[in-house]
């Protein structure tokens, strides 16, 4: 089965002077660039720190699956650099009222976490150590 891979572009405004050359001061767009998060395996852009949200009172959770594996889950409203696969299920959910699907990196298909869906809400629970703030070539 071939997985659909969404295109993902990050638009970053640049501060330029009247001649169109980069200004010497650090601008918000550059600070935001540094807050992007990438797949730790292939460095594909996944999400941004601004997308972090609290779920059940916290934006980070430690969860243990039925196999005994422990995950540090970071919660994000959006994660455009990953794709959800498989049917959603409520079995063994860590967040009551939410069904989950596995999410993979849209580039290398590394397991990055889960997409949690309730009737009127959703979020991405991404595995902390499978994300990095280091881009390709950095």
Protein backbone atom coordinates (compact mmCIF):
# COMPACT_ATOMS: atom_id res chain seq x y z
CA UNK A 1 0.00 0.00 0.00
CA UNK A 2 1.42 3.37 -1.00
CA UNK A 3 0.84 6.20 1.44
CA UNK A 4 -0.27 9.65 0.33
CA UNK A 5 2.35 12.21 1.19
CA UNK A 6 1.14 15.76 1.65
CA UNK A 7 3.29 18.62 0.47
CA UNK A 8 4.51 20.79 3.31
CA UNK A 9 5.91 24.26 2.88
CA UNK A 10 7.02 26.64 5.58
CA UNK A 11 6.86 30.28 4.58
CA UNK A 12 9.31 32.39 6.51
CA UNK A 13 9.21 36.16 6.14
CA UNK A 14 12.61 37.80 5.86
CA UNK A 15 13.46 41.27 7.08
CA UNK A 16 15.04 43.28 4.27
CA UNK A 17 16.20 46.86 3.94
CA UNK A 18 15.07 49.31 1.25
CA UNK A 19 17.53 47.76 -1.22
CA UNK A 20 16.07 44.29 -0.68
CA UNK A 21 19.09 43.02 1.28
CA UNK A 22 18.71 41.15 4.59
CA UNK A 23 18.67 43.48 7.56
CA UNK A 24 21.17 42.91 10.35
CA UNK A 25 18.60 42.39 13.10
CA UNK A 26 16.99 39.14 14.06
CA UNK A 27 13.31 39.09 13.11
CA UNK A 28 10.36 37.09 14.39
CA UNK A 29 10.32 34.93 11.23
CA UNK A 30 13.86 33.76 11.93
CA UNK A 31 13.05 33.02 15.57
CA UNK A 32 10.04 30.99 14.43
CA UNK A 33 12.28 29.03 12.04
CA UNK A 34 14.33 27.91 15.03
CA UNK A 35 11.18 26.59 16.72
CA UNK A 36 10.30 24.17 13.94
CA UNK A 37 10.42 20.48 14.78
CA UNK A 38 11.67 17.81 12.39
CA UNK A 39 11.66 14.03 12.17
CA UNK A 40 14.76 12.95 14.10
CA UNK A 41 15.49 10.26 11.50
CA UNK A 42 15.26 12.15 8.18
CA UNK A 43 14.91 15.81 9.30
CA UNK A 44 11.63 16.32 7.41
CA UNK A 45 9.63 19.28 8.88
CA UNK A 46 6.84 17.89 11.09
CA UNK A 47 5.38 20.69 13.21
CA UNK A 48 6.22 23.84 15.15
CA UNK A 49 6.52 24.62 18.85
CA UNK A 50 3.67 27.15 18.44
CA UNK A 51 1.36 24.19 17.78
CA UNK A 52 1.87 22.77 21.32
CA UNK A 53 -1.39 22.56 23.24
CA UNK A 54 -2.50 21.31 26.64
CA UNK A 55 -4.57 18.11 26.71
CA UNK A 56 -6.04 17.04 30.05
CA UNK A 57 -4.16 19.91 31.68
CA UNK A 58 -0.67 19.27 30.24
CA UNK A 59 1.06 19.45 26.87
CA UNK A 60 3.35 16.54 27.76
CA UNK A 61 2.37 13.08 29.04
CA UNK A 62 4.16 9.87 29.92
CA UNK A 63 2.18 6.93 28.52
CA UNK A 64 2.68 3.16 28.66
CA UNK A 65 1.22 0.92 25.95
CA UNK A 66 -0.14 -2.61 26.59
CA UNK A 67 3.25 -4.05 25.56
CA UNK A 68 4.94 -2.17 28.41
CA UNK A 69 6.69 0.46 26.23
CA UNK A 70 6.83 3.93 27.76
CA UNK A 71 6.50 7.04 25.58
CA UNK A 72 6.93 10.73 26.37
CA UNK A 73 4.10 12.24 24.33
CA UNK A 74 4.07 15.91 23.30
CA UNK A 75 0.67 17.31 22.27
CA UNK A 76 0.24 19.43 19.13
CA UNK A 77 -2.82 20.94 17.46
CA UNK A 78 -1.32 20.39 13.99
CA UNK A 79 1.49 18.29 12.57
CA UNK A 80 1.42 18.73 8.82
CA UNK A 81 4.61 16.75 8.27
CA UNK A 82 3.12 13.43 9.29
CA UNK A 83 0.35 11.22 7.96
CA UNK A 84 -2.20 9.10 9.82
CA UNK A 85 -2.51 5.46 8.77
CA UNK A 86 -4.91 2.66 9.61
CA UNK A 87 -8.37 2.72 11.09
CA UNK A 88 -9.03 4.79 14.20
CA UNK A 89 -9.69 2.80 17.38
CA UNK A 90 -10.55 3.54 21.00
CA UNK A 91 -8.88 0.34 22.23
CA UNK A 92 -6.26 1.08 24.92
CA UNK A 93 -6.54 4.84 24.32
CA UNK A 94 -4.53 7.04 26.65
CA UNK A 95 -7.09 9.82 26.31
CA UNK A 96 -10.67 8.73 27.14
CA UNK A 97 -13.14 9.88 24.52
CA UNK A 98 -10.50 9.92 21.78
CA UNK A 99 -9.88 7.28 19.12
CA UNK A 100 -6.32 7.05 17.83
CA UNK A 101 -4.44 6.31 14.62
CA UNK A 102 -0.71 5.80 14.15
CA UNK A 103 1.09 8.74 12.48
CA UNK A 104 4.21 8.37 10.37
CA UNK A 105 6.71 10.87 9.02
CA UNK A 106 5.41 11.90 5.59
CA UNK A 107 8.93 11.54 4.19
CA UNK A 108 10.61 8.44 5.69
CA UNK A 109 7.56 6.77 7.29
CA UNK A 110 9.17 6.58 10.75
CA UNK A 111 6.54 6.10 13.49
CA UNK A 112 6.23 9.55 15.10
CA UNK A 113 3.20 9.04 17.34
CA UNK A 114 -0.59 9.11 17.12
CA UNK A 115 -3.47 11.28 15.97
CA UNK A 116 -6.22 11.39 18.60
CA UNK A 117 -9.76 12.16 17.37
CA UNK A 118 -12.90 12.91 19.39
CA UNK A 119 -16.28 13.79 17.86
CA UNK A 120 -15.49 17.53 17.88
CA UNK A 121 -11.75 17.70 18.55
CA UNK A 122 -8.40 16.21 17.55
CA UNK A 123 -4.71 16.56 18.34
CA UNK A 124 -1.41 14.85 17.59
CA UNK A 125 0.50 13.06 20.34
CA UNK A 126 4.07 12.89 19.05
CA UNK A 127 6.91 10.93 20.62
CA UNK A 128 9.37 13.43 22.07
CA UNK A 129 12.60 11.63 21.20
CA UNK A 130 11.49 11.11 17.58
CA UNK A 131 11.49 14.88 16.99
CA UNK A 132 14.43 17.26 16.76
CA UNK A 133 14.89 20.98 16.34
CA UNK A 134 17.90 20.37 14.05
CA UNK A 135 17.15 20.78 10.34
CA UNK A 136 18.92 19.03 7.47
CA UNK A 137 22.38 20.40 6.89
CA UNK A 138 22.52 22.17 10.27
